[in-house]
Structures are given as C-alpha cells and as structure tokens.
Amino acid sequence: MRNKLLALGLFVSALAFGQTDSSVANHVWAKVGYKTKLSKQVSLTTSGQYRAKYSIEDHDQWLTNIELEKELSKKWDLGLELRHYFIFDNQGGNQGTFQRFRTQINAQRHIQLPLGELHFRYAIQQRWIISGSGSNELVSRLRGEYDLPIKNFKWDPTFQAELLNGSFTESNQSLRLGIGTSNKIGGIKLQFGYFYQRDLYTTNMYRNVLQMGVRF
C-alpha cells in the first residue's frame, strides 16, 4: 500500500507539471506556521505561505494568515480566518505589488467511521481588493475530506473534494480534488499534498497545485 501511494504521488506530479497548455496554471505552495493553544477548546495558528507559479497564468503571491479555531465538541469545530495577500505582478502594462484581504468563517463536522474519519466543512469568505485589478467577491465553499488509516504507516493519506461557489452563482463555480498527508517528527508537523482545480462553467481553465508545509 505504501509503495502504491508513493507511486501515485510521483505520477500525479509528473502529469501535472509536464503540461504546458496556456489554460493550465501550475503552482507550488510552501507554508510555515505556528500553532498554540489559547485554552482547552481554542487554538491560534499564524502562518506565512509563498505561492510560486510555473506558468504564464496568475502571479507569485505571499500570504499572511491568522486562524482561530474553537472546538465545540468532538464532532463540531468553528473557525475564523484572516488573510492578507501580496501579489507580485510582473506581466502586462500594469505591473507592481498589489494587495488583497480576505476573511472567512467556517463550521466543520467530524464523523468517526469503522475505518477512518470523515470531515465536512462549510465556509463563507469575503475578499476585498486593496490595490490592483480585480473585484471584491463573496464565496461559499463546501469541502469533504476522508482520512484513511494505514496500519504501520505514519503518513496516512487524506482525500479531499471541495466545491467553490463565487458570488453564489452557478456560473462561477470551481471544483478541487486532492490528496495529502502529514506526520509529526520531533514535535514538528510536516505536510505534503496535491490538488487539481477546474472552473466548471466560465472557462476551460484548470490548476495543478503541489503543497508543502511545516508547522511548529
């Protein structure tokens, strides 16, 4: 099973980043964060993430994130996220470093299964344009995750599907399908993942994103 998962990860990476079509946006996201417990039920995570693009689509970005999470019970969590973006635009006539800001509130449900665990998250987020092009946008997100435990294996996979609904209209929907894994080594959490995102109605645009992260 472990060898199959590693082979799958290598295959997906090679397939994703071997594409050069102009409708494909390839990215690598690298994140470092720190999590602390404010109380028994409340945690605070601060993080920074660099999003590097490897295509003519999109721009490199730096994100600063603050997340508050409250555990209501073993089955329910509530979350609040504040995010600031620096967008480095070096294409076209209007080049420069531009800024955005985003807030998100979410509720997450955890369901224990005979094998593994399911997580369902519903989130609403508002994005504001501080400088540069673009428009303010309200987005709803519905995500499902499944944690698959593997005996004698510390890098258990998590499978993910998420629907993003921009401005609450069917014409501005996109779908993410992904796989990830994480493990704590010496008190430090290491995370790796990949997701594929496709715009469902507006364009033929799709994205391949490799993710890696370190959390203290």
N, C-alpha and C. Protein backbone atom coordinates (compact mmCIF):
# COMPACT_ATOMS: atom_id res chain seq x y z
N MET A 1 0.83 -1.21 0.00
CA MET A 1 0.00 0.00 0.00
C MET A 1 0.86 1.26 0.00
N ARG A 2 1.94 1.27 0.83
CA ARG A 2 2.79 2.45 0.90
C ARG A 2 3.46 2.73 -0.44
N ASN A 3 3.95 1.67 -1.10
CA ASN A 3 4.61 1.86 -2.39
C ASN A 3 3.62 2.36 -3.44
N LYS A 4 2.39 1.88 -3.38
CA LYS A 4 1.37 2.34 -4.33
C LYS A 4 1.07 3.82 -4.15
N LEU A 5 0.99 4.27 -2.89
CA LEU A 5 0.71 5.68 -2.63
C LEU A 5 1.86 6.57 -3.10
N LEU A 6 3.09 6.14 -2.87
CA LEU A 6 4.24 6.91 -3.34
C LEU A 6 4.27 6.98 -4.86
N ALA A 7 3.98 5.85 -5.51
CA ALA A 7 3.96 5.82 -6.97
C ALA A 7 2.86 6.73 -7.51
N LEU A 8 1.70 6.74 -6.84
CA LEU A 8 0.61 7.61 -7.26
C LEU A 8 1.00 9.07 -7.15
N GLY A 9 1.68 9.43 -6.06
CA GLY A 9 2.10 10.81 -5.89
C GLY A 9 3.08 11.25 -6.94
N LEU A 10 4.05 10.41 -7.28
CA LEU A 10 5.02 10.74 -8.32
C LEU A 10 4.36 10.85 -9.68
N PHE A 11 3.41 9.96 -9.96
CA PHE A 11 2.71 10.00 -11.25
C PHE A 11 1.91 11.28 -11.40
N VAL A 12 1.17 11.65 -10.35
CA VAL A 12 0.36 12.87 -10.41
C VAL A 12 1.23 14.09 -10.60
N SER A 13 2.37 14.14 -9.88
CA SER A 13 3.26 15.30 -10.01
C SER A 13 3.83 15.41 -11.41
N ALA A 14 4.26 14.29 -11.97
CA ALA A 14 4.82 14.32 -13.32
C ALA A 14 3.77 14.70 -14.34
N LEU A 15 2.56 14.19 -14.17
CA LEU A 15 1.48 14.51 -15.10
C LEU A 15 1.11 15.98 -15.01
N ALA A 16 1.01 16.49 -13.79
CA ALA A 16 0.57 17.88 -13.59
C ALA A 16 1.58 18.86 -14.13
N PHE A 17 2.84 18.71 -13.79
CA PHE A 17 3.82 19.72 -14.15
C PHE A 17 4.48 19.45 -15.49
N GLY A 18 4.04 18.41 -16.16
CA GLY A 18 4.51 18.19 -17.52
C GLY A 18 3.65 18.87 -18.55
N GLN A 19 2.54 19.53 -18.12
CA GLN A 19 1.62 20.19 -19.02
C GLN A 19 2.04 21.64 -19.22
N THR A 20 1.97 22.12 -20.45
CA THR A 20 2.37 23.48 -20.76
C THR A 20 1.27 24.25 -21.46
N ASP A 21 0.08 23.70 -21.57
CA ASP A 21 -1.04 24.38 -22.22
C ASP A 21 -1.32 25.70 -21.51
N SER A 22 -1.68 26.74 -22.29
CA SER A 22 -1.91 28.06 -21.71
C SER A 22 -3.11 28.09 -20.78
N SER A 23 -4.00 27.08 -20.88
CA SER A 23 -5.16 27.04 -19.99
C SER A 23 -4.84 26.38 -18.66
N VAL A 24 -3.59 25.94 -18.48
CA VAL A 24 -3.17 25.26 -17.27
C VAL A 24 -2.30 26.19 -16.43
N ALA A 25 -2.62 26.32 -15.14
CA ALA A 25 -1.79 27.09 -14.21
C ALA A 25 -1.18 26.12 -13.20
N ASN A 26 0.14 26.05 -13.17
CA ASN A 26 0.86 25.17 -12.26
C ASN A 26 1.47 25.98 -11.12
N HIS A 27 1.33 25.48 -9.89
CA HIS A 27 1.80 26.22 -8.72
C HIS A 27 2.49 25.28 -7.75
N VAL A 28 3.40 25.85 -6.95
CA VAL A 28 3.93 25.20 -5.75
C VAL A 28 3.69 26.15 -4.59
N TRP A 29 3.01 25.65 -3.55
CA TRP A 29 2.72 26.44 -2.36
C TRP A 29 3.56 25.92 -1.20
N ALA A 30 4.35 26.80 -0.58
CA ALA A 30 5.19 26.44 0.56
C ALA A 30 4.75 27.26 1.77
N LYS A 31 4.50 26.59 2.89
CA LYS A 31 3.89 27.24 4.06
C LYS A 31 4.66 26.91 5.33
N VAL A 32 4.80 27.90 6.20
CA VAL A 32 5.38 27.69 7.52
C VAL A 32 4.46 28.34 8.54
N GLY A 33 4.19 27.64 9.65
CA GLY A 33 3.24 28.16 10.62
C GLY A 33 3.56 27.75 12.04
N TYR A 34 2.84 28.37 12.97
CA TYR A 34 3.00 28.07 14.39
C TYR A 34 1.61 28.01 15.03
N LYS A 35 1.34 26.93 15.77
CA LYS A 35 0.04 26.74 16.42
C LYS A 35 0.21 26.72 17.92
N THR A 36 -0.67 27.45 18.61
CA THR A 36 -0.64 27.48 20.06
C THR A 36 -2.06 27.35 20.61
N LYS A 37 -2.18 26.78 21.80
CA LYS A 37 -3.48 26.64 22.46
C LYS A 37 -3.71 27.84 23.37
N LEU A 38 -4.79 28.58 23.11
CA LEU A 38 -5.16 29.69 23.97
C LEU A 38 -5.95 29.22 25.18
N SER A 39 -6.66 28.11 25.02
CA SER A 39 -7.39 27.47 26.10
C SER A 39 -7.59 26.01 25.70
N LYS A 40 -8.35 25.28 26.50
CA LYS A 40 -8.56 23.87 26.18
C LYS A 40 -9.31 23.69 24.87
N GLN A 41 -10.20 24.62 24.54
CA GLN A 41 -11.02 24.50 23.34
C GLN A 41 -10.58 25.41 22.19
N VAL A 42 -9.76 26.41 22.46
CA VAL A 42 -9.44 27.42 21.45
C VAL A 42 -7.96 27.37 21.08
N SER A 43 -7.68 27.36 19.77
CA SER A 43 -6.30 27.38 19.27
C SER A 43 -6.11 28.54 18.30
N LEU A 44 -4.86 29.01 18.21
CA LEU A 44 -4.49 30.10 17.31
C LEU A 44 -3.32 29.63 16.45
N THR A 45 -3.47 29.77 15.13
CA THR A 45 -2.40 29.41 14.20
C THR A 45 -2.04 30.63 13.36
N THR A 46 -0.77 30.99 13.36
CA THR A 46 -0.27 32.05 12.49
C THR A 46 0.65 31.40 11.46
N SER A 47 0.60 31.88 10.22
CA SER A 47 1.39 31.24 9.18
C SER A 47 1.68 32.22 8.05
N GLY A 48 2.69 31.86 7.27
CA GLY A 48 3.01 32.57 6.04
C GLY A 48 3.15 31.55 4.93
N GLN A 49 2.71 31.91 3.74
CA GLN A 49 2.75 30.98 2.61
C GLN A 49 3.20 31.70 1.35
N TYR A 50 4.15 31.09 0.64
CA TYR A 50 4.56 31.62 -0.66
C TYR A 50 3.97 30.73 -1.75
N ARG A 51 3.28 31.36 -2.70
CA ARG A 51 2.67 30.63 -3.81
C ARG A 51 3.42 30.98 -5.09
N ALA A 52 4.22 30.03 -5.55
CA ALA A 52 5.02 30.25 -6.76
C ALA A 52 4.29 29.65 -7.95
N LYS A 53 4.22 30.42 -9.04
CA LYS A 53 3.54 29.92 -10.25
C LYS A 53 4.58 29.49 -11.27
N TYR A 54 4.25 28.44 -12.02
CA TYR A 54 5.14 27.89 -13.04
C TYR A 54 4.42 27.85 -14.38
N SER A 55 3.76 28.93 -14.72
CA SER A 55 3.04 29.04 -15.99
C SER A 55 2.82 30.52 -16.26
N ILE A 56 2.28 30.83 -17.43
CA ILE A 56 2.03 32.23 -17.77
C ILE A 56 0.78 32.75 -17.09
N GLU A 57 0.01 31.87 -16.47
CA GLU A 57 -1.20 32.27 -15.77
C GLU A 57 -0.89 32.64 -14.32
N ASP A 58 -1.62 33.62 -13.79
CA ASP A 58 -1.54 34.00 -12.38
C ASP A 58 -0.20 34.67 -12.05
N HIS A 59 0.02 34.89 -10.74
CA HIS A 59 1.20 35.61 -10.28
C HIS A 59 1.70 34.97 -8.98
N ASP A 60 2.99 35.19 -8.69
CA ASP A 60 3.51 34.78 -7.40
C ASP A 60 2.82 35.58 -6.30
N GLN A 61 2.64 34.93 -5.13
CA GLN A 61 1.92 35.59 -4.03
C GLN A 61 2.57 35.25 -2.70
N TRP A 62 2.47 36.18 -1.75
CA TRP A 62 2.83 35.92 -0.36
C TRP A 62 1.59 36.17 0.50
N LEU A 63 1.25 35.18 1.34
CA LEU A 63 0.06 35.25 2.18
C LEU A 63 0.46 35.23 3.65
N THR A 64 -0.15 36.09 4.43
CA THR A 64 -0.02 36.06 5.89
C THR A 64 -1.39 35.69 6.46
N ASN A 65 -1.41 34.68 7.33
CA ASN A 65 -2.67 34.09 7.77
C ASN A 65 -2.76 34.03 9.29
N ILE A 66 -3.94 34.33 9.83
CA ILE A 66 -4.24 34.12 11.25
C ILE A 66 -5.53 33.31 11.33
N GLU A 67 -5.49 32.19 12.05
CA GLU A 67 -6.66 31.31 12.17
C GLU A 67 -6.99 31.07 13.64
N LEU A 68 -8.23 31.30 13.99
CA LEU A 68 -8.75 30.95 15.31
C LEU A 68 -9.72 29.79 15.16
N GLU A 69 -9.55 28.77 16.00
CA GLU A 69 -10.44 27.61 15.93
C GLU A 69 -10.94 27.26 17.33
N LYS A 70 -12.25 27.03 17.42
CA LYS A 70 -12.84 26.62 18.69
C LYS A 70 -13.49 25.26 18.54
N GLU A 71 -13.12 24.35 19.44
CA GLU A 71 -13.69 23.01 19.46
C GLU A 71 -14.96 23.03 20.31
N LEU A 72 -16.11 22.89 19.65
CA LEU A 72 -17.37 22.88 20.38
C LEU A 72 -17.63 21.54 21.04
N SER A 73 -17.22 20.47 20.35
CA SER A 73 -17.37 19.11 20.85
C SER A 73 -16.43 18.23 20.02
N LYS A 74 -16.50 16.93 20.25
CA LYS A 74 -15.69 16.03 19.44
C LYS A 74 -16.18 15.97 17.99
N LYS A 75 -17.39 16.46 17.76
CA LYS A 75 -17.98 16.39 16.42
C LYS A 75 -17.99 17.72 15.67
N TRP A 76 -17.85 18.85 16.38
CA TRP A 76 -18.02 20.15 15.74
C TRP A 76 -16.89 21.12 16.11
N ASP A 77 -16.43 21.88 15.10
CA ASP A 77 -15.48 22.98 15.28
C ASP A 77 -16.03 24.22 14.59
N LEU A 78 -15.66 25.39 15.10
CA LEU A 78 -15.92 26.66 14.44
C LEU A 78 -14.59 27.36 14.19
N GLY A 79 -14.48 28.06 13.06
CA GLY A 79 -13.22 28.71 12.73
C GLY A 79 -13.41 30.11 12.17
N LEU A 80 -12.40 30.96 12.40
CA LEU A 80 -12.33 32.31 11.83
C LEU A 80 -10.94 32.48 11.26
N GLU A 81 -10.86 32.98 10.02
CA GLU A 81 -9.57 33.15 9.35
C GLU A 81 -9.46 34.55 8.77
N LEU A 82 -8.29 35.18 9.01
CA LEU A 82 -7.97 36.49 8.44
C LEU A 82 -6.72 36.32 7.57
N ARG A 83 -6.77 36.83 6.34
CA ARG A 83 -5.66 36.60 5.41
C ARG A 83 -5.35 37.88 4.63
N HIS A 84 -4.05 38.18 4.53
CA HIS A 84 -3.57 39.31 3.73
C HIS A 84 -2.69 38.78 2.60
N TYR A 85 -2.89 39.33 1.39
CA TYR A 85 -2.14 38.89 0.21
C TYR A 85 -1.23 40.01 -0.29
N PHE A 86 0.00 39.67 -0.65
CA PHE A 86 0.83 40.46 -1.55
C PHE A 86 0.88 39.72 -2.88
N ILE A 87 0.52 40.38 -3.97
CA ILE A 87 0.51 39.77 -5.30
C ILE A 87 1.57 40.46 -6.15
N PHE A 88 2.52 39.68 -6.67
CA PHE A 88 3.65 40.22 -7.42
C PHE A 88 3.37 40.06 -8.91
N ASP A 89 2.92 41.13 -9.53
CA ASP A 89 2.52 41.13 -10.94
C ASP A 89 3.66 41.69 -11.79
N ASN A 90 4.29 40.81 -12.59
CA ASN A 90 5.38 41.25 -13.47
C ASN A 90 5.02 41.04 -14.94
N GLN A 91 3.72 41.03 -15.24
CA GLN A 91 3.27 40.83 -16.62
C GLN A 91 2.35 41.98 -17.03
N GLY A 92 2.35 42.29 -18.32
CA GLY A 92 1.44 43.29 -18.86
C GLY A 92 1.89 44.71 -18.56
N GLY A 93 0.99 45.66 -18.81
CA GLY A 93 1.34 47.06 -18.65
C GLY A 93 1.21 47.57 -17.23
N ASN A 94 0.35 46.97 -16.42
CA ASN A 94 0.12 47.44 -15.05
C ASN A 94 0.83 46.52 -14.07
N GLN A 95 2.15 46.66 -13.96
CA GLN A 95 2.94 45.78 -13.11
C GLN A 95 3.17 46.42 -11.75
N GLY A 96 3.47 45.57 -10.77
CA GLY A 96 3.74 46.07 -9.43
C GLY A 96 3.37 45.05 -8.37
N THR A 97 3.39 45.47 -7.12
CA THR A 97 2.99 44.63 -5.99
C THR A 97 1.64 45.13 -5.48
N PHE A 98 0.64 44.26 -5.52
CA PHE A 98 -0.72 44.64 -5.16
C PHE A 98 -1.18 43.86 -3.93
N GLN A 99 -2.25 44.32 -3.33
CA GLN A 99 -2.69 43.73 -2.06
C GLN A 99 -4.18 43.36 -2.08
N ARG A 100 -4.48 42.29 -1.34
CA ARG A 100 -5.86 41.88 -1.10
C ARG A 100 -6.00 41.46 0.36
N PHE A 101 -7.25 41.40 0.81
CA PHE A 101 -7.54 40.96 2.17
C PHE A 101 -8.77 40.06 2.14
N ARG A 102 -8.75 39.02 2.99
CA ARG A 102 -9.86 38.07 2.99
C ARG A 102 -10.20 37.66 4.41
N THR A 103 -11.49 37.53 4.68
CA THR A 103 -11.96 36.96 5.94
C THR A 103 -12.80 35.72 5.62
N GLN A 104 -12.75 34.76 6.52
CA GLN A 104 -13.53 33.53 6.33
C GLN A 104 -14.05 33.04 7.68
N ILE A 105 -15.30 32.59 7.70
CA ILE A 105 -15.84 31.88 8.85
C ILE A 105 -16.25 30.49 8.38
N ASN A 106 -16.07 29.48 9.22
CA ASN A 106 -16.38 28.12 8.81
C ASN A 106 -16.85 27.29 9.98
N ALA A 107 -17.58 26.23 9.65
CA ALA A 107 -18.03 25.22 10.61
C ALA A 107 -17.65 23.86 10.06
N GLN A 108 -17.11 23.00 10.93
CA GLN A 108 -16.63 21.70 10.48
C GLN A 108 -17.24 20.58 11.33
N ARG A 109 -17.69 19.54 10.64
CA ARG A 109 -18.31 18.37 11.29
C ARG A 109 -17.40 17.18 11.11
N HIS A 110 -17.16 16.43 12.20
CA HIS A 110 -16.30 15.25 12.17
C HIS A 110 -17.15 14.00 12.42
N ILE A 111 -16.96 12.99 11.59
CA ILE A 111 -17.73 11.75 11.70
C ILE A 111 -16.76 10.57 11.75
N GLN A 112 -16.76 9.86 12.86
CA GLN A 112 -15.89 8.69 13.01
C GLN A 112 -16.53 7.49 12.32
N LEU A 113 -15.76 6.81 11.46
CA LEU A 113 -16.23 5.63 10.74
C LEU A 113 -15.53 4.39 11.28
N PRO A 114 -16.04 3.20 10.94
CA PRO A 114 -15.34 1.98 11.34
C PRO A 114 -13.89 1.95 10.83
N LEU A 115 -13.67 2.54 9.65
CA LEU A 115 -12.32 2.67 9.11
C LEU A 115 -12.12 4.12 8.67
N GLY A 116 -11.40 4.89 9.47
CA GLY A 116 -11.10 6.26 9.09
C GLY A 116 -12.09 7.26 9.66
N GLU A 117 -11.98 8.49 9.16
CA GLU A 117 -12.81 9.58 9.66
C GLU A 117 -13.18 10.52 8.52
N LEU A 118 -14.44 11.00 8.54
CA LEU A 118 -14.92 11.97 7.57
C LEU A 118 -14.98 13.35 8.20
N HIS A 119 -14.69 14.37 7.38
CA HIS A 119 -14.79 15.76 7.83
C HIS A 119 -15.55 16.55 6.76
N PHE A 120 -16.56 17.28 7.17
CA PHE A 120 -17.30 18.16 6.26
C PHE A 120 -17.17 19.59 6.77
N ARG A 121 -16.77 20.49 5.87
CA ARG A 121 -16.61 21.90 6.25
C ARG A 121 -17.40 22.79 5.32
N TYR A 122 -18.17 23.71 5.92
CA TYR A 122 -18.85 24.74 5.14
C TYR A 122 -18.27 26.09 5.54
N ALA A 123 -17.89 26.89 4.54
CA ALA A 123 -17.25 28.17 4.81
C ALA A 123 -17.83 29.26 3.92
N ILE A 124 -17.85 30.47 4.45
CA ILE A 124 -18.20 31.67 3.68
C ILE A 124 -17.05 32.66 3.83
N GLN A 125 -16.58 33.20 2.71
CA GLN A 125 -15.47 34.12 2.77
C GLN A 125 -15.74 35.36 1.92
N GLN A 126 -15.17 36.48 2.36
CA GLN A 126 -15.28 37.74 1.64
C GLN A 126 -13.88 38.24 1.30
N ARG A 127 -13.67 38.55 0.02
CA ARG A 127 -12.38 39.07 -0.43
C ARG A 127 -12.53 40.54 -0.81
N TRP A 128 -11.56 41.35 -0.38
CA TRP A 128 -11.53 42.77 -0.73
C TRP A 128 -10.26 43.08 -1.51
N ILE A 129 -10.37 43.88 -2.56
CA ILE A 129 -9.22 44.35 -3.32
C ILE A 129 -8.72 45.64 -2.68
N ILE A 130 -7.50 45.63 -2.19
CA ILE A 130 -6.90 46.84 -1.61
C ILE A 130 -6.25 47.68 -2.70
N SER A 131 -5.49 47.01 -3.59
CA SER A 131 -4.87 47.70 -4.72
C SER A 131 -4.72 46.72 -5.86
N GLY A 132 -4.63 47.24 -7.09
CA GLY A 132 -4.52 46.38 -8.26
C GLY A 132 -5.89 46.08 -8.85
N SER A 133 -5.88 45.23 -9.88
CA SER A 133 -7.12 44.90 -10.59
C SER A 133 -7.90 43.83 -9.84
N GLY A 134 -9.10 43.56 -10.32
CA GLY A 134 -9.95 42.56 -9.70
C GLY A 134 -11.16 43.21 -9.05
N SER A 135 -11.98 42.39 -8.42
CA SER A 135 -13.19 42.90 -7.78
C SER A 135 -13.42 42.18 -6.46
N ASN A 136 -14.11 42.85 -5.55
CA ASN A 136 -14.49 42.21 -4.29
C ASN A 136 -15.41 41.03 -4.59
N GLU A 137 -15.28 39.97 -3.78
CA GLU A 137 -16.07 38.77 -4.09
C GLU A 137 -16.44 38.02 -2.82
N LEU A 138 -17.68 37.55 -2.79
CA LEU A 138 -18.18 36.70 -1.71
C LEU A 138 -18.24 35.27 -2.23
N VAL A 139 -17.65 34.32 -1.50
CA VAL A 139 -17.53 32.93 -1.96
C VAL A 139 -18.01 31.99 -0.87
N SER A 140 -18.79 30.98 -1.25
CA SER A 140 -19.14 29.89 -0.35
C SER A 140 -18.34 28.66 -0.75
N ARG A 141 -17.97 27.85 0.25
CA ARG A 141 -17.13 26.67 0.00
C ARG A 141 -17.69 25.48 0.78
N LEU A 142 -17.78 24.34 0.12
CA LEU A 142 -18.21 23.10 0.76
C LEU A 142 -17.15 22.04 0.49
N ARG A 143 -16.54 21.54 1.58
CA ARG A 143 -15.42 20.60 1.44
C ARG A 143 -15.69 19.32 2.21
N GLY A 144 -15.35 18.19 1.59
CA GLY A 144 -15.39 16.90 2.24
C GLY A 144 -14.02 16.26 2.25
N GLU A 145 -13.63 15.68 3.37
CA GLU A 145 -12.33 15.01 3.49
C GLU A 145 -12.51 13.64 4.13
N TYR A 146 -11.66 12.71 3.70
CA TYR A 146 -11.67 11.37 4.29
C TYR A 146 -10.25 11.00 4.67
N ASP A 147 -10.02 10.72 5.96
CA ASP A 147 -8.73 10.26 6.46
C ASP A 147 -8.70 8.74 6.44
N LEU A 148 -7.76 8.17 5.70
CA LEU A 148 -7.65 6.71 5.59
C LEU A 148 -6.48 6.22 6.43
N PRO A 149 -6.75 5.51 7.52
CA PRO A 149 -5.65 4.98 8.34
C PRO A 149 -5.04 3.74 7.69
N ILE A 150 -3.72 3.66 7.72
CA ILE A 150 -3.00 2.51 7.16
C ILE A 150 -2.13 1.93 8.27
N LYS A 151 -2.25 0.66 8.50
CA LYS A 151 -1.53 0.00 9.59
C LYS A 151 -0.02 0.10 9.38
N ASN A 152 0.68 0.45 10.47
CA ASN A 152 2.14 0.55 10.48
C ASN A 152 2.66 1.57 9.45
N PHE A 153 1.89 2.63 9.25
CA PHE A 153 2.30 3.68 8.31
C PHE A 153 1.94 5.03 8.92
N LYS A 154 2.92 5.90 9.08
CA LYS A 154 2.70 7.17 9.78
C LYS A 154 2.22 8.29 8.86
N TRP A 155 2.28 8.08 7.55
CA TRP A 155 1.87 9.12 6.60
C TRP A 155 0.52 8.76 5.99
N ASP A 156 -0.50 8.64 6.84
CA ASP A 156 -1.84 8.28 6.36
C ASP A 156 -2.37 9.34 5.39
N PRO A 157 -2.98 8.91 4.29
CA PRO A 157 -3.47 9.88 3.29
C PRO A 157 -4.83 10.46 3.67
N THR A 158 -5.07 11.68 3.21
CA THR A 158 -6.37 12.34 3.30
C THR A 158 -6.83 12.69 1.90
N PHE A 159 -8.03 12.24 1.53
CA PHE A 159 -8.60 12.52 0.21
C PHE A 159 -9.61 13.66 0.36
N GLN A 160 -9.63 14.54 -0.63
CA GLN A 160 -10.40 15.77 -0.49
C GLN A 160 -11.15 16.12 -1.76
N ALA A 161 -12.37 16.65 -1.58
CA ALA A 161 -13.14 17.23 -2.68
C ALA A 161 -13.79 18.51 -2.14
N GLU A 162 -13.72 19.59 -2.93
CA GLU A 162 -14.27 20.86 -2.48
C GLU A 162 -14.91 21.61 -3.63
N LEU A 163 -16.09 22.16 -3.38
CA LEU A 163 -16.80 22.98 -4.35
C LEU A 163 -16.74 24.43 -3.89
N LEU A 164 -16.26 25.32 -4.78
CA LEU A 164 -16.18 26.75 -4.50
C LEU A 164 -17.19 27.47 -5.37
N ASN A 165 -18.01 28.29 -4.74
CA ASN A 165 -19.11 28.96 -5.44
C ASN A 165 -18.95 30.46 -5.30
N GLY A 166 -18.30 31.09 -6.29
CA GLY A 166 -18.05 32.52 -6.24
C GLY A 166 -19.30 33.33 -6.46
N SER A 167 -19.51 34.32 -5.59
CA SER A 167 -20.68 35.22 -5.68
C SER A 167 -22.00 34.45 -5.64
N PHE A 168 -21.96 33.19 -5.16
CA PHE A 168 -23.16 32.36 -5.01
C PHE A 168 -23.89 32.16 -6.34
N THR A 169 -23.15 32.12 -7.44
CA THR A 169 -23.76 31.90 -8.75
C THR A 169 -23.22 30.63 -9.36
N GLU A 170 -24.07 29.90 -10.06
CA GLU A 170 -23.66 28.65 -10.69
C GLU A 170 -22.60 28.87 -11.75
N SER A 171 -22.61 30.05 -12.39
CA SER A 171 -21.68 30.32 -13.48
C SER A 171 -20.27 30.59 -13.00
N ASN A 172 -20.06 30.68 -11.68
CA ASN A 172 -18.73 30.97 -11.15
C ASN A 172 -18.33 29.90 -10.13
N GLN A 173 -18.45 28.64 -10.54
CA GLN A 173 -18.13 27.52 -9.66
C GLN A 173 -16.84 26.84 -10.11
N SER A 174 -16.11 26.31 -9.14
CA SER A 174 -14.93 25.51 -9.44
C SER A 174 -14.87 24.33 -8.47
N LEU A 175 -14.18 23.28 -8.90
CA LEU A 175 -14.09 22.04 -8.14
C LEU A 175 -12.64 21.70 -7.88
N ARG A 176 -12.33 21.34 -6.65
CA ARG A 176 -10.99 20.88 -6.28
C ARG A 176 -11.05 19.41 -5.88
N LEU A 177 -10.09 18.63 -6.37
CA LEU A 177 -9.91 17.24 -5.98
C LEU A 177 -8.46 17.06 -5.56
N GLY A 178 -8.23 16.53 -4.36
CA GLY A 178 -6.86 16.48 -3.89
C GLY A 178 -6.56 15.30 -2.98
N ILE A 179 -5.27 15.15 -2.69
CA ILE A 179 -4.78 14.15 -1.76
C ILE A 179 -3.63 14.76 -0.98
N GLY A 180 -3.55 14.45 0.31
CA GLY A 180 -2.49 14.99 1.14
C GLY A 180 -2.11 14.03 2.24
N THR A 181 -1.03 14.35 2.93
CA THR A 181 -0.59 13.55 4.05
C THR A 181 0.20 14.43 5.01
N SER A 182 0.30 14.02 6.26
CA SER A 182 1.07 14.78 7.24
C SER A 182 1.57 13.83 8.33
N ASN A 183 2.61 14.30 9.04
CA ASN A 183 3.18 13.48 10.10
C ASN A 183 3.98 14.39 11.02
N LYS A 184 3.98 14.08 12.30
CA LYS A 184 4.78 14.84 13.26
C LYS A 184 6.11 14.15 13.49
N ILE A 185 7.19 14.92 13.34
CA ILE A 185 8.54 14.42 13.56
C ILE A 185 9.24 15.37 14.52
N GLY A 186 9.57 14.88 15.70
CA GLY A 186 10.22 15.73 16.69
C GLY A 186 9.39 16.93 17.10
N GLY A 187 8.07 16.77 17.14
CA GLY A 187 7.19 17.86 17.52
C GLY A 187 6.87 18.83 16.41
N ILE A 188 7.42 18.62 15.22
CA ILE A 188 7.16 19.48 14.06
C ILE A 188 6.28 18.73 13.07
N LYS A 189 5.20 19.35 12.64
CA LYS A 189 4.28 18.72 11.71
C LYS A 189 4.68 19.03 10.27
N LEU A 190 4.92 17.99 9.49
CA LEU A 190 5.24 18.13 8.07
C LEU A 190 4.02 17.75 7.25
N GLN A 191 3.74 18.54 6.21
CA GLN A 191 2.55 18.32 5.38
C GLN A 191 2.93 18.37 3.90
N PHE A 192 2.34 17.46 3.13
CA PHE A 192 2.54 17.43 1.68
C PHE A 192 1.20 17.11 1.02
N GLY A 193 0.96 17.71 -0.15
CA GLY A 193 -0.30 17.45 -0.82
C GLY A 193 -0.30 17.92 -2.26
N TYR A 194 -1.37 17.56 -2.95
CA TYR A 194 -1.60 17.98 -4.33
C TYR A 194 -3.10 18.14 -4.53
N PHE A 195 -3.51 19.18 -5.28
CA PHE A 195 -4.90 19.23 -5.70
C PHE A 195 -5.02 19.76 -7.12
N TYR A 196 -6.09 19.31 -7.76
CA TYR A 196 -6.46 19.72 -9.12
C TYR A 196 -7.71 20.56 -9.01
N GLN A 197 -7.72 21.71 -9.65
CA GLN A 197 -8.89 22.59 -9.61
C GLN A 197 -9.32 22.93 -11.02
N ARG A 198 -10.61 22.85 -11.27
CA ARG A 198 -11.15 23.16 -12.59
C ARG A 198 -12.34 24.10 -12.46
N ASP A 199 -12.35 25.15 -13.29
CA ASP A 199 -13.52 26.02 -13.38
C ASP A 199 -14.61 25.25 -14.12
N LEU A 200 -15.80 25.18 -13.54
CA LEU A 200 -16.84 24.30 -14.07
C LEU A 200 -17.64 24.91 -15.21
N TYR A 201 -17.82 26.22 -15.22
CA TYR A 201 -18.74 26.80 -16.20
C TYR A 201 -18.12 27.93 -17.04
N THR A 202 -17.30 28.78 -16.43
CA THR A 202 -16.91 30.02 -17.11
C THR A 202 -15.82 29.82 -18.16
N THR A 203 -14.79 29.03 -17.86
CA THR A 203 -13.66 28.85 -18.77
C THR A 203 -13.21 27.40 -18.73
N ASN A 204 -12.21 27.10 -19.56
CA ASN A 204 -11.58 25.79 -19.52
C ASN A 204 -10.32 25.80 -18.66
N MET A 205 -10.18 26.82 -17.84
CA MET A 205 -9.00 26.97 -17.00
C MET A 205 -8.95 25.92 -15.90
N TYR A 206 -7.78 25.34 -15.68
CA TYR A 206 -7.62 24.47 -14.53
C TYR A 206 -6.22 24.59 -13.96
N ARG A 207 -6.07 24.16 -12.70
CA ARG A 207 -4.83 24.37 -11.96
C ARG A 207 -4.33 23.05 -11.38
N ASN A 208 -3.01 22.95 -11.31
CA ASN A 208 -2.34 21.88 -10.59
C ASN A 208 -1.51 22.53 -9.49
N VAL A 209 -1.71 22.11 -8.25
CA VAL A 209 -1.03 22.74 -7.13
C VAL A 209 -0.37 21.68 -6.25
N LEU A 210 0.96 21.79 -6.10
CA LEU A 210 1.69 20.98 -5.13
C LEU A 210 1.86 21.80 -3.86
N GLN A 211 1.60 21.17 -2.72
CA GLN A 211 1.67 21.88 -1.44
C GLN A 211 2.66 21.21 -0.50
N MET A 212 3.36 22.03 0.26
CA MET A 212 4.23 21.53 1.32
C MET A 212 4.18 22.51 2.48
N GLY A 213 4.30 21.99 3.70
CA GLY A 213 4.18 22.87 4.84
C GLY A 213 4.92 22.34 6.05
N VAL A 214 5.31 23.26 6.92
CA VAL A 214 5.94 22.95 8.21
C VAL A 214 5.20 23.74 9.27
N ARG A 215 4.78 23.06 10.35
CA ARG A 215 4.09 23.76 11.43
C ARG A 215 4.70 23.39 12.78
N PHE A 216 5.03 24.41 13.53
CA PHE A 216 5.65 24.22 14.84
C PHE A 216 4.61 24.27 15.95
